Amino acid sequence: MAEKKRPVNGWVLLKNANADKTDGGIIVPDFGTTKHAMRRSKTAIVAAVSEGWLNPHTGKLVEPRVKVGDSVWLADGRPVVMWQDDPDYCLVHQEDICCVFEKAGN
């Protein structure tokens, strides 16, 4: 990722959790080198989170329910915003994250 990306309005920046990194630092996505690897992969790591979003009915800020470093599962068929220059990162709205994996004891 060349520049820092900071999501806003309830969006979450995710990193493909299934991409493997070689000893030389080359990232190999779990579904090959296609730019659509994140669309096929359901698990991801939260790389950045917005401050929340305004509830249109109450006008109150809805705080994020995920944090940087969380391992998450994505809902099927929901919009994913991809970058052509970095297929291992994408943006999803927080509502499209359906599960956060927690370690036993948390």
PDB file of N, CA and C in Angstrom:
ATOM      1  N   MET A   1       0.849  -1.167   0.000  1.00  0.00           N
ATOM      2  CA  MET A   1       0.000   0.000   0.000  1.00  0.00           C
ATOM      3  C   MET A   1       0.895   1.230   0.000  1.00  0.00           C
ATOM      4  N   ALA A   2       0.890   1.971  -1.071  1.00  0.00           N
ATOM      5  CA  ALA A   2       1.780   3.120  -1.211  1.00  0.00           C
ATOM      6  C   ALA A   2       1.406   4.255  -0.271  1.00  0.00           C
ATOM      7  N   GLU A   3       0.179   4.693  -0.297  1.00  0.00           N
ATOM      8  CA  GLU A   3      -0.245   5.780   0.577  1.00  0.00           C
ATOM      9  C   GLU A   3      -1.151   5.239   1.666  1.00  0.00           C
ATOM     10  N   LYS A   4      -1.286   5.999   2.738  1.00  0.00           N
ATOM     11  CA  LYS A   4      -2.148   5.582   3.835  1.00  0.00           C
ATOM     12  C   LYS A   4      -3.602   5.807   3.440  1.00  0.00           C
ATOM     13  N   LYS A   5      -4.420   4.823   3.669  1.00  0.00           N
ATOM     14  CA  LYS A   5      -5.850   4.922   3.373  1.00  0.00           C
ATOM     15  C   LYS A   5      -6.610   4.926   4.697  1.00  0.00           C
ATOM     16  N   ARG A   6      -7.466   5.930   4.897  1.00  0.00           N
ATOM     17  CA  ARG A   6      -8.253   6.051   6.121  1.00  0.00           C
ATOM     18  C   ARG A   6      -9.732   6.012   5.758  1.00  0.00           C
ATOM     19  N   PRO A   7     -10.417   4.927   6.081  1.00  0.00           N
ATOM     20  CA  PRO A   7     -11.838   4.837   5.738  1.00  0.00           C
ATOM     21  C   PRO A   7     -12.678   5.808   6.572  1.00  0.00           C
ATOM     22  N   VAL A   8     -13.826   6.208   6.020  1.00  0.00           N
ATOM     23  CA  VAL A   8     -14.759   7.100   6.703  1.00  0.00           C
ATOM     24  C   VAL A   8     -16.176   6.559   6.539  1.00  0.00           C
ATOM     25  N   ASN A   9     -17.126   7.142   7.270  1.00  0.00           N
ATOM     26  CA  ASN A   9     -18.560   6.857   7.128  1.00  0.00           C
ATOM     27  C   ASN A   9     -18.930   5.380   7.239  1.00  0.00           C
ATOM     28  N   GLY A  10     -18.330   4.677   8.190  1.00  0.00           N
ATOM     29  CA  GLY A  10     -18.698   3.289   8.435  1.00  0.00           C
ATOM     30  C   GLY A  10     -17.979   2.255   7.597  1.00  0.00           C
ATOM     31  N   TRP A  11     -17.018   2.693   6.785  1.00  0.00           N
ATOM     32  CA  TRP A  11     -16.272   1.751   5.957  1.00  0.00           C
ATOM     33  C   TRP A  11     -15.074   1.210   6.718  1.00  0.00           C
ATOM     34  N   VAL A  12     -14.643  -0.002   6.334  1.00  0.00           N
ATOM     35  CA  VAL A  12     -13.539  -0.702   6.986  1.00  0.00           C
ATOM     36  C   VAL A  12     -12.558  -1.154   5.899  1.00  0.00           C
ATOM     37  N   LEU A  13     -11.268  -0.888   6.110  1.00  0.00           N
ATOM     38  CA  LEU A  13     -10.226  -1.341   5.195  1.00  0.00           C
ATOM     39  C   LEU A  13      -9.769  -2.722   5.649  1.00  0.00           C
ATOM     40  N   LEU A  14      -9.799  -3.689   4.732  1.00  0.00           N
ATOM     41  CA  LEU A  14      -9.448  -5.073   5.056  1.00  0.00           C
ATOM     42  C   LEU A  14      -8.246  -5.530   4.256  1.00  0.00           C
ATOM     43  N   LYS A  15      -7.472  -6.429   4.861  1.00  0.00           N
ATOM     44  CA  LYS A  15      -6.349  -7.081   4.188  1.00  0.00           C
ATOM     45  C   LYS A  15      -6.702  -8.554   4.061  1.00  0.00           C
ATOM     46  N   ASN A  16      -6.440  -9.112   2.897  1.00  0.00           N
ATOM     47  CA  ASN A  16      -6.720 -10.517   2.643  1.00  0.00           C
ATOM     48  C   ASN A  16      -5.987 -11.384   3.662  1.00  0.00           C
ATOM     49  N   ALA A  17      -6.719 -12.130   4.452  1.00  0.00           N
ATOM     50  CA  ALA A  17      -6.121 -12.961   5.506  1.00  0.00           C
ATOM     51  C   ALA A  17      -5.491 -14.221   4.951  1.00  0.00           C
ATOM     52  N   ASN A  18      -5.823 -14.593   3.730  1.00  0.00           N
ATOM     53  CA  ASN A  18      -5.347 -15.856   3.172  1.00  0.00           C
ATOM     54  C   ASN A  18      -4.157 -15.700   2.253  1.00  0.00           C
ATOM     55  N   ALA A  19      -3.683 -14.472   2.087  1.00  0.00           N
ATOM     56  CA  ALA A  19      -2.520 -14.258   1.225  1.00  0.00           C
ATOM     57  C   ALA A  19      -1.273 -14.736   1.957  1.00  0.00           C
ATOM     58  N   ASP A  20      -0.437 -15.459   1.260  1.00  0.00           N
ATOM     59  CA  ASP A  20       0.812 -15.940   1.840  1.00  0.00           C
ATOM     60  C   ASP A  20       1.945 -15.030   1.410  1.00  0.00           C
ATOM     61  N   LYS A  21       2.918 -14.827   2.290  1.00  0.00           N
ATOM     62  CA  LYS A  21       4.077 -14.006   1.978  1.00  0.00           C
ATOM     63  C   LYS A  21       5.298 -14.924   1.926  1.00  0.00           C
ATOM     64  N   THR A  22       6.041 -14.841   0.831  1.00  0.00           N
ATOM     65  CA  THR A  22       7.235 -15.662   0.693  1.00  0.00           C
ATOM     66  C   THR A  22       8.365 -15.068   1.526  1.00  0.00           C
ATOM     67  N   ASP A  23       9.452 -15.813   1.693  1.00  0.00           N
ATOM     68  CA  ASP A  23      10.610 -15.320   2.435  1.00  0.00           C
ATOM     69  C   ASP A  23      11.173 -14.042   1.825  1.00  0.00           C
ATOM     70  N   GLY A  24      11.025 -13.885   0.513  1.00  0.00           N
ATOM     71  CA  GLY A  24      11.516 -12.696  -0.175  1.00  0.00           C
ATOM     72  C   GLY A  24      10.563 -11.517  -0.103  1.00  0.00           C
ATOM     73  N   GLY A  25       9.402 -11.685   0.562  1.00  0.00           N
ATOM     74  CA  GLY A  25       8.452 -10.595   0.731  1.00  0.00           C
ATOM     75  C   GLY A  25       7.390 -10.515  -0.352  1.00  0.00           C
ATOM     76  N   ILE A  26       7.343 -11.484  -1.261  1.00  0.00           N
ATOM     77  CA  ILE A  26       6.331 -11.477  -2.314  1.00  0.00           C
ATOM     78  C   ILE A  26       5.028 -12.035  -1.740  1.00  0.00           C
ATOM     79  N   ILE A  27       3.924 -11.301  -1.938  1.00  0.00           N
ATOM     80  CA  ILE A  27       2.625 -11.750  -1.450  1.00  0.00           C
ATOM     81  C   ILE A  27       1.936 -12.559  -2.530  1.00  0.00           C
ATOM     82  N   VAL A  28       1.502 -13.766  -2.159  1.00  0.00           N
ATOM     83  CA  VAL A  28       0.815 -14.651  -3.087  1.00  0.00           C
ATOM     84  C   VAL A  28      -0.610 -14.836  -2.575  1.00  0.00           C
ATOM     85  N   PRO A  29      -1.618 -14.212  -3.228  1.00  0.00           N
ATOM     86  CA  PRO A  29      -2.996 -14.365  -2.777  1.00  0.00           C
ATOM     87  C   PRO A  29      -3.425 -15.824  -2.798  1.00  0.00           C
ATOM     88  N   ASP A  30      -4.410 -16.164  -1.975  1.00  0.00           N
ATOM     89  CA  ASP A  30      -4.855 -17.542  -1.863  1.00  0.00           C
ATOM     90  C   ASP A  30      -5.487 -18.077  -3.138  1.00  0.00           C
ATOM     91  N   PHE A  31      -5.941 -17.208  -4.029  1.00  0.00           N
ATOM     92  CA  PHE A  31      -6.538 -17.658  -5.276  1.00  0.00           C
ATOM     93  C   PHE A  31      -5.681 -17.246  -6.467  1.00  0.00           C
ATOM     94  N   GLY A  32      -4.388 -17.242  -6.297  1.00  0.00           N
ATOM     95  CA  GLY A  32      -3.487 -16.864  -7.389  1.00  0.00           C
ATOM     96  C   GLY A  32      -3.238 -15.368  -7.387  1.00  0.00           C
ATOM     97  N   THR A  33      -2.825 -14.848  -8.520  1.00  0.00           N
ATOM     98  CA  THR A  33      -2.461 -13.438  -8.589  1.00  0.00           C
ATOM     99  C   THR A  33      -3.580 -12.570  -9.152  1.00  0.00           C
ATOM    100  N   THR A  34      -4.778 -13.082  -9.237  1.00  0.00           N
ATOM    101  CA  THR A  34      -5.901 -12.305  -9.759  1.00  0.00           C
ATOM    102  C   THR A  34      -6.250 -11.129  -8.857  1.00  0.00           C
ATOM    103  N   LYS A  35      -6.683 -10.039  -9.434  1.00  0.00           N
ATOM    104  CA  LYS A  35      -7.052  -8.869  -8.641  1.00  0.00           C
ATOM    105  C   LYS A  35      -8.376  -9.077  -7.909  1.00  0.00           C
ATOM    106  N   HIS A  36      -9.041 -10.199  -8.154  1.00  0.00           N
ATOM    107  CA  HIS A  36     -10.318 -10.470  -7.503  1.00  0.00           C
ATOM    108  C   HIS A  36     -10.181 -11.429  -6.323  1.00  0.00           C
ATOM    109  N   ALA A  37      -8.992 -11.596  -5.808  1.00  0.00           N
ATOM    110  CA  ALA A  37      -8.762 -12.565  -4.724  1.00  0.00           C
ATOM    111  C   ALA A  37      -9.633 -12.276  -3.513  1.00  0.00           C
ATOM    112  N   MET A  38      -9.790 -11.005  -3.123  1.00  0.00           N
ATOM    113  CA  MET A  38     -10.589 -10.684  -1.934  1.00  0.00           C
ATOM    114  C   MET A  38     -12.058 -11.018  -2.135  1.00  0.00           C
ATOM    115  N   ARG A  39     -12.561 -10.942  -3.355  1.00  0.00           N
ATOM    116  CA  ARG A  39     -13.969 -11.237  -3.592  1.00  0.00           C
ATOM    117  C   ARG A  39     -14.263 -12.705  -3.353  1.00  0.00           C
ATOM    118  N   ARG A  40     -13.279 -13.559  -3.579  1.00  0.00           N
ATOM    119  CA  ARG A  40     -13.477 -14.992  -3.403  1.00  0.00           C
ATOM    120  C   ARG A  40     -13.163 -15.432  -1.984  1.00  0.00           C
ATOM    121  N   SER A  41     -12.337 -14.688  -1.306  1.00  0.00           N
ATOM    122  CA  SER A  41     -11.940 -15.020   0.050  1.00  0.00           C
ATOM    123  C   SER A  41     -12.938 -14.428   1.027  1.00  0.00           C
ATOM    124  N   LYS A  42     -13.273 -15.149   2.064  1.00  0.00           N
ATOM    125  CA  LYS A  42     -14.241 -14.640   3.031  1.00  0.00           C
ATOM    126  C   LYS A  42     -13.586 -14.117   4.296  1.00  0.00           C
ATOM    127  N   THR A  43     -12.362 -14.517   4.586  1.00  0.00           N
ATOM    128  CA  THR A  43     -11.718 -14.054   5.802  1.00  0.00           C
ATOM    129  C   THR A  43     -10.755 -12.924   5.487  1.00  0.00           C
ATOM    130  N   ALA A  44     -10.658 -11.992   6.422  1.00  0.00           N
ATOM    131  CA  ALA A  44      -9.791 -10.839   6.231  1.00  0.00           C
ATOM    132  C   ALA A  44      -9.370 -10.295   7.591  1.00  0.00           C
ATOM    133  N   ILE A  45      -8.342  -9.469   7.577  1.00  0.00           N
ATOM    134  CA  ILE A  45      -7.845  -8.802   8.776  1.00  0.00           C
ATOM    135  C   ILE A  45      -8.164  -7.314   8.650  1.00  0.00           C
ATOM    136  N   VAL A  46      -8.707  -6.722   9.702  1.00  0.00           N
ATOM    137  CA  VAL A  46      -9.034  -5.301   9.690  1.00  0.00           C
ATOM    138  C   VAL A  46      -7.738  -4.498   9.745  1.00  0.00           C
ATOM    139  N   ALA A  47      -7.516  -3.669   8.713  1.00  0.00           N
ATOM    140  CA  ALA A  47      -6.312  -2.840   8.619  1.00  0.00           C
ATOM    141  C   ALA A  47      -6.567  -1.415   9.103  1.00  0.00           C
ATOM    142  N   ALA A  48      -7.793  -0.907   8.943  1.00  0.00           N
ATOM    143  CA  ALA A  48      -8.163   0.436   9.387  1.00  0.00           C
ATOM    144  C   ALA A  48      -9.677   0.509   9.507  1.00  0.00           C
ATOM    145  N   VAL A  49     -10.150   1.347  10.416  1.00  0.00           N
ATOM    146  CA  VAL A  49     -11.584   1.471  10.686  1.00  0.00           C
ATOM    147  C   VAL A  49     -11.966   2.948  10.710  1.00  0.00           C
ATOM    148  N   SER A  50     -13.147   3.259  10.183  1.00  0.00           N
ATOM    149  CA  SER A  50     -13.628   4.641  10.240  1.00  0.00           C
ATOM    150  C   SER A  50     -14.066   4.976  11.663  1.00  0.00           C
ATOM    151  N   GLU A  51     -14.358   6.237  11.879  1.00  0.00           N
ATOM    152  CA  GLU A  51     -14.799   6.705  13.196  1.00  0.00           C
ATOM    153  C   GLU A  51     -16.232   6.284  13.498  1.00  0.00           C
ATOM    154  N   GLY A  52     -16.922   5.765  12.519  1.00  0.00           N
ATOM    155  CA  GLY A  52     -18.320   5.366  12.659  1.00  0.00           C
ATOM    156  C   GLY A  52     -19.137   6.014  11.557  1.00  0.00           C
ATOM    157  N   TRP A  53     -20.463   5.965  11.685  1.00  0.00           N
ATOM    158  CA  TRP A  53     -21.328   6.619  10.705  1.00  0.00           C
ATOM    159  C   TRP A  53     -22.568   7.132  11.409  1.00  0.00           C
ATOM    160  N   LEU A  54     -23.211   8.113  10.789  1.00  0.00           N
ATOM    161  CA  LEU A  54     -24.406   8.698  11.375  1.00  0.00           C
ATOM    162  C   LEU A  54     -25.625   7.852  11.059  1.00  0.00           C
ATOM    163  N   ASN A  55     -26.375   7.519  12.100  1.00  0.00           N
ATOM    164  CA  ASN A  55     -27.635   6.816  11.922  1.00  0.00           C
ATOM    165  C   ASN A  55     -28.621   7.809  11.308  1.00  0.00           C
ATOM    166  N   PRO A  56     -29.187   7.507  10.131  1.00  0.00           N
ATOM    167  CA  PRO A  56     -30.064   8.474   9.471  1.00  0.00           C
ATOM    168  C   PRO A  56     -31.364   8.741  10.228  1.00  0.00           C
ATOM    169  N   HIS A  57     -31.765   7.829  11.110  1.00  0.00           N
ATOM    170  CA  HIS A  57     -33.023   7.990  11.848  1.00  0.00           C
ATOM    171  C   HIS A  57     -32.845   8.779  13.141  1.00  0.00           C
ATOM    172  N   THR A  58     -31.710   8.564  13.817  1.00  0.00           N
ATOM    173  CA  THR A  58     -31.498   9.234  15.108  1.00  0.00           C
ATOM    174  C   THR A  58     -30.523  10.392  15.007  1.00  0.00           C
ATOM    175  N   GLY A  59     -29.698  10.421  13.954  1.00  0.00           N
ATOM    176  CA  GLY A  59     -28.685  11.462  13.825  1.00  0.00           C
ATOM    177  C   GLY A  59     -27.495  11.249  14.746  1.00  0.00           C
ATOM    178  N   LYS A  60     -27.458  10.095  15.430  1.00  0.00           N
ATOM    179  CA  LYS A  60     -26.353   9.794  16.349  1.00  0.00           C
ATOM    180  C   LYS A  60     -25.275   8.976  15.652  1.00  0.00           C
ATOM    181  N   LEU A  61     -24.045   9.146  16.139  1.00  0.00           N
ATOM    182  CA  LEU A  61     -22.911   8.402  15.607  1.00  0.00           C
ATOM    183  C   LEU A  61     -22.965   6.954  16.076  1.00  0.00           C
ATOM    184  N   VAL A  62     -22.900   6.027  15.125  1.00  0.00           N
ATOM    185  CA  VAL A  62     -22.824   4.601  15.431  1.00  0.00           C
ATOM    186  C   VAL A  62     -21.348   4.245  15.424  1.00  0.00           C
ATOM    187  N   GLU A  63     -20.824   3.848  16.568  1.00  0.00           N
ATOM    188  CA  GLU A  63     -19.401   3.543  16.682  1.00  0.00           C
ATOM    189  C   GLU A  63     -19.081   2.191  16.050  1.00  0.00           C
ATOM    190  N   PRO A  64     -17.853   2.044  15.556  1.00  0.00           N
ATOM    191  CA  PRO A  64     -17.464   0.780  14.928  1.00  0.00           C
ATOM    192  C   PRO A  64     -17.495  -0.382  15.916  1.00  0.00           C
ATOM    193  N   ARG A  65     -17.808  -1.560  15.397  1.00  0.00           N
ATOM    194  CA  ARG A  65     -17.846  -2.762  16.234  1.00  0.00           C
ATOM    195  C   ARG A  65     -16.664  -3.671  15.973  1.00  0.00           C
ATOM    196  N   VAL A  66     -15.759  -3.224  15.114  1.00  0.00           N
ATOM    197  CA  VAL A  66     -14.520  -3.958  14.845  1.00  0.00           C
ATOM    198  C   VAL A  66     -13.354  -3.028  15.114  1.00  0.00           C
ATOM    199  N   LYS A  67     -12.160  -3.627  15.298  1.00  0.00           N
ATOM    200  CA  LYS A  67     -10.962  -2.814  15.539  1.00  0.00           C
ATOM    201  C   LYS A  67      -9.817  -3.347  14.687  1.00  0.00           C
ATOM    202  N   VAL A  68      -8.806  -2.529  14.522  1.00  0.00           N
ATOM    203  CA  VAL A  68      -7.634  -2.922  13.742  1.00  0.00           C
ATOM    204  C   VAL A  68      -7.059  -4.207  14.325  1.00  0.00           C
ATOM    205  N   GLY A  69      -6.760  -5.155  13.446  1.00  0.00           N
ATOM    206  CA  GLY A  69      -6.203  -6.438  13.865  1.00  0.00           C
ATOM    207  C   GLY A  69      -7.231  -7.544  13.994  1.00  0.00           C
ATOM    208  N   ASP A  70      -8.532  -7.203  14.048  1.00  0.00           N
ATOM    209  CA  ASP A  70      -9.567  -8.232  14.132  1.00  0.00           C
ATOM    210  C   ASP A  70      -9.545  -9.106  12.883  1.00  0.00           C
ATOM    211  N   SER A  71      -9.774 -10.393  13.075  1.00  0.00           N
ATOM    212  CA  SER A  71      -9.962 -11.324  11.970  1.00  0.00           C
ATOM    213  C   SER A  71     -11.468 -11.444  11.765  1.00  0.00           C
ATOM    214  N   VAL A  72     -11.939 -11.200  10.529  1.00  0.00           N
ATOM    215  CA  VAL A  72     -13.380 -11.142  10.287  1.00  0.00           C
ATOM    216  C   VAL A  72     -13.797 -12.034   9.122  1.00  0.00           C
ATOM    217  N   TRP A  73     -15.091 -12.321   9.065  1.00  0.00           N
ATOM    218  CA  TRP A  73     -15.715 -13.096   8.002  1.00  0.00           C
ATOM    219  C   TRP A  73     -16.684 -12.166   7.286  1.00  0.00           C
ATOM    220  N   LEU A  74     -16.641 -12.164   5.942  1.00  0.00           N
ATOM    221  CA  LEU A  74     -17.477 -11.267   5.152  1.00  0.00           C
ATOM    222  C   LEU A  74     -18.755 -11.948   4.681  1.00  0.00           C
ATOM    223  N   ALA A  75     -19.823 -11.166   4.565  1.00  0.00           N
ATOM    224  CA  ALA A  75     -21.087 -11.665   4.043  1.00  0.00           C
ATOM    225  C   ALA A  75     -20.964 -11.909   2.541  1.00  0.00           C
ATOM    226  N   ASP A  76     -21.714 -12.877   2.029  1.00  0.00           N
ATOM    227  CA  ASP A  76     -21.726 -13.184   0.597  1.00  0.00           C
ATOM    228  C   ASP A  76     -22.436 -12.100  -0.202  1.00  0.00           C
ATOM    229  N   GLY A  77     -21.937 -11.839  -1.408  1.00  0.00           N
ATOM    230  CA  GLY A  77     -22.637 -11.000  -2.358  1.00  0.00           C
ATOM    231  C   GLY A  77     -22.734  -9.526  -2.019  1.00  0.00           C
ATOM    232  N   ARG A  78     -21.949  -9.049  -1.083  1.00  0.00           N
ATOM    233  CA  ARG A  78     -22.001  -7.642  -0.699  1.00  0.00           C
ATOM    234  C   ARG A  78     -20.933  -6.860  -1.462  1.00  0.00           C
ATOM    235  N   PRO A  79     -21.118  -5.547  -1.617  1.00  0.00           N
ATOM    236  CA  PRO A  79     -20.148  -4.740  -2.369  1.00  0.00           C
ATOM    237  C   PRO A  79     -18.769  -4.722  -1.717  1.00  0.00           C
ATOM    238  N   VAL A  80     -17.745  -4.849  -2.535  1.00  0.00           N
ATOM    239  CA  VAL A  80     -16.351  -4.765  -2.100  1.00  0.00           C
ATOM    240  C   VAL A  80     -15.661  -3.783  -3.025  1.00  0.00           C
ATOM    241  N   VAL A  81     -15.019  -2.755  -2.457  1.00  0.00           N
ATOM    242  CA  VAL A  81     -14.294  -1.776  -3.256  1.00  0.00           C
ATOM    243  C   VAL A  81     -12.837  -2.206  -3.295  1.00  0.00           C
ATOM    244  N   MET A  82     -12.320  -2.449  -4.516  1.00  0.00           N
ATOM    245  CA  MET A  82     -10.953  -2.939  -4.688  1.00  0.00           C
ATOM    246  C   MET A  82     -10.064  -1.848  -5.274  1.00  0.00           C
ATOM    247  N   TRP A  83      -8.765  -1.971  -5.071  1.00  0.00           N
ATOM    248  CA  TRP A  83      -7.777  -1.116  -5.722  1.00  0.00           C
ATOM    249  C   TRP A  83      -7.033  -1.967  -6.733  1.00  0.00           C
ATOM    250  N   GLN A  84      -6.894  -1.464  -7.952  1.00  0.00           N
ATOM    251  CA  GLN A  84      -6.177  -2.220  -8.978  1.00  0.00           C
ATOM    252  C   GLN A  84      -4.704  -2.358  -8.632  1.00  0.00           C
ATOM    253  N   ASP A  85      -4.132  -1.366  -7.944  1.00  0.00           N
ATOM    254  CA  ASP A  85      -2.700  -1.408  -7.633  1.00  0.00           C
ATOM    255  C   ASP A  85      -2.371  -2.247  -6.408  1.00  0.00           C
ATOM    256  N   ASP A  86      -3.375  -2.698  -5.660  1.00  0.00           N
ATOM    257  CA  ASP A  86      -3.109  -3.489  -4.456  1.00  0.00           C
ATOM    258  C   ASP A  86      -4.283  -4.414  -4.166  1.00  0.00           C
ATOM    259  N   PRO A  87      -4.341  -5.582  -4.824  1.00  0.00           N
ATOM    260  CA  PRO A  87      -5.489  -6.473  -4.700  1.00  0.00           C
ATOM    261  C   PRO A  87      -5.636  -7.151  -3.345  1.00  0.00           C
ATOM    262  N   ASP A  88      -4.667  -6.997  -2.471  1.00  0.00           N
ATOM    263  CA  ASP A  88      -4.781  -7.630  -1.157  1.00  0.00           C
ATOM    264  C   ASP A  88      -5.523  -6.770  -0.149  1.00  0.00           C
ATOM    265  N   TYR A  89      -5.925  -5.562  -0.552  1.00  0.00           N
ATOM    266  CA  TYR A  89      -6.696  -4.674   0.323  1.00  0.00           C
ATOM    267  C   TYR A  89      -8.017  -4.332  -0.349  1.00  0.00           C
ATOM    268  N   CYS A  90      -9.051  -4.151   0.459  1.00  0.00           N
ATOM    269  CA  CYS A  90     -10.337  -3.719  -0.070  1.00  0.00           C
ATOM    270  C   CYS A  90     -11.088  -2.960   1.017  1.00  0.00           C
ATOM    271  N   LEU A  91     -12.151  -2.277   0.607  1.00  0.00           N
ATOM    272  CA  LEU A  91     -13.044  -1.584   1.530  1.00  0.00           C
ATOM    273  C   LEU A  91     -14.389  -2.287   1.543  1.00  0.00           C
ATOM    274  N   VAL A  92     -14.943  -2.466   2.729  1.00  0.00           N
ATOM    275  CA  VAL A  92     -16.309  -2.968   2.876  1.00  0.00           C
ATOM    276  C   VAL A  92     -16.989  -2.103   3.921  1.00  0.00           C
ATOM    277  N   HIS A  93     -18.311  -2.047   3.861  1.00  0.00           N
ATOM    278  CA  HIS A  93     -19.020  -1.334   4.919  1.00  0.00           C
ATOM    279  C   HIS A  93     -19.102  -2.257   6.123  1.00  0.00           C
ATOM    280  N   GLN A  94     -19.061  -1.665   7.309  1.00  0.00           N
ATOM    281  CA  GLN A  94     -19.073  -2.477   8.524  1.00  0.00           C
ATOM    282  C   GLN A  94     -20.266  -3.425   8.574  1.00  0.00           C
ATOM    283  N   GLU A  95     -21.394  -3.024   7.996  1.00  0.00           N
ATOM    284  CA  GLU A  95     -22.591  -3.877   8.003  1.00  0.00           C
ATOM    285  C   GLU A  95     -22.390  -5.171   7.215  1.00  0.00           C
ATOM    286  N   ASP A  96     -21.363  -5.214   6.351  1.00  0.00           N
ATOM    287  CA  ASP A  96     -21.110  -6.396   5.536  1.00  0.00           C
ATOM    288  C   ASP A  96     -20.164  -7.391   6.204  1.00  0.00           C
ATOM    289  N   ILE A  97     -19.723  -7.078   7.411  1.00  0.00           N
ATOM    290  CA  ILE A  97     -18.912  -8.006   8.203  1.00  0.00           C
ATOM    291  C   ILE A  97     -19.880  -8.768   9.100  1.00  0.00           C
ATOM    292  N   CYS A  98     -19.898 -10.098   8.948  1.00  0.00           N
ATOM    293  CA  CYS A  98     -20.904 -10.860   9.690  1.00  0.00           C
ATOM    294  C   CYS A  98     -20.337 -11.621  10.888  1.00  0.00           C
ATOM    295  N   CYS A  99     -19.008 -11.628  11.060  1.00  0.00           N
ATOM    296  CA  CYS A  99     -18.444 -12.366  12.187  1.00  0.00           C
ATOM    297  C   CYS A  99     -17.046 -11.838  12.501  1.00  0.00           C
ATOM    298  N   VAL A 100     -16.738 -11.756  13.795  1.00  0.00           N
ATOM    299  CA  VAL A 100     -15.384 -11.445  14.245  1.00  0.00           C
ATOM    300  C   VAL A 100     -14.871 -12.675  14.976  1.00  0.00           C
ATOM    301  N   PHE A 101     -13.723 -13.206  14.549  1.00  0.00           N
ATOM    302  CA  PHE A 101     -13.154 -14.371  15.202  1.00  0.00           C
ATOM    303  C   PHE A 101     -12.403 -13.919  16.455  1.00  0.00           C
ATOM    304  N   GLU A 102     -12.730 -14.501  17.589  1.00  0.00           N
ATOM    305  CA  GLU A 102     -12.056 -14.157  18.834  1.00  0.00           C
ATOM    306  C   GLU A 102     -11.352 -15.387  19.380  1.00  0.00           C
ATOM    307  N   LYS A 103     -10.212 -15.158  20.010  1.00  0.00           N
ATOM    308  CA  LYS A 103      -9.488 -16.249  20.627  1.00  0.00           C
ATOM    309  C   LYS A 103     -10.245 -16.716  21.872  1.00  0.00           C
ATOM    310  N   ALA A 104     -10.129 -17.990  22.187  1.00  0.00           N
ATOM    311  CA  ALA A 104     -10.792 -18.537  23.366  1.00  0.00           C
ATOM    312  C   ALA A 104     -10.354 -17.774  24.604  1.00  0.00           C
ATOM    313  N   GLY A 105     -11.305 -17.475  25.461  1.00  0.00           N
ATOM    314  CA  GLY A 105     -11.000 -16.759  26.689  1.00  0.00           C
ATOM    315  C   GLY A 105     -11.262 -15.263  26.607  1.00  0.00           C
ATOM    316  N   ASN A 106     -11.618 -14.751  25.408  1.00  0.00           N
ATOM    317  CA  ASN A 106     -11.916 -13.304  25.258  1.00  0.00           C
ATOM    318  C   ASN A 106     -13.375 -13.035  25.438  1.00  0.00           C
TER     319      ASN A 106
END
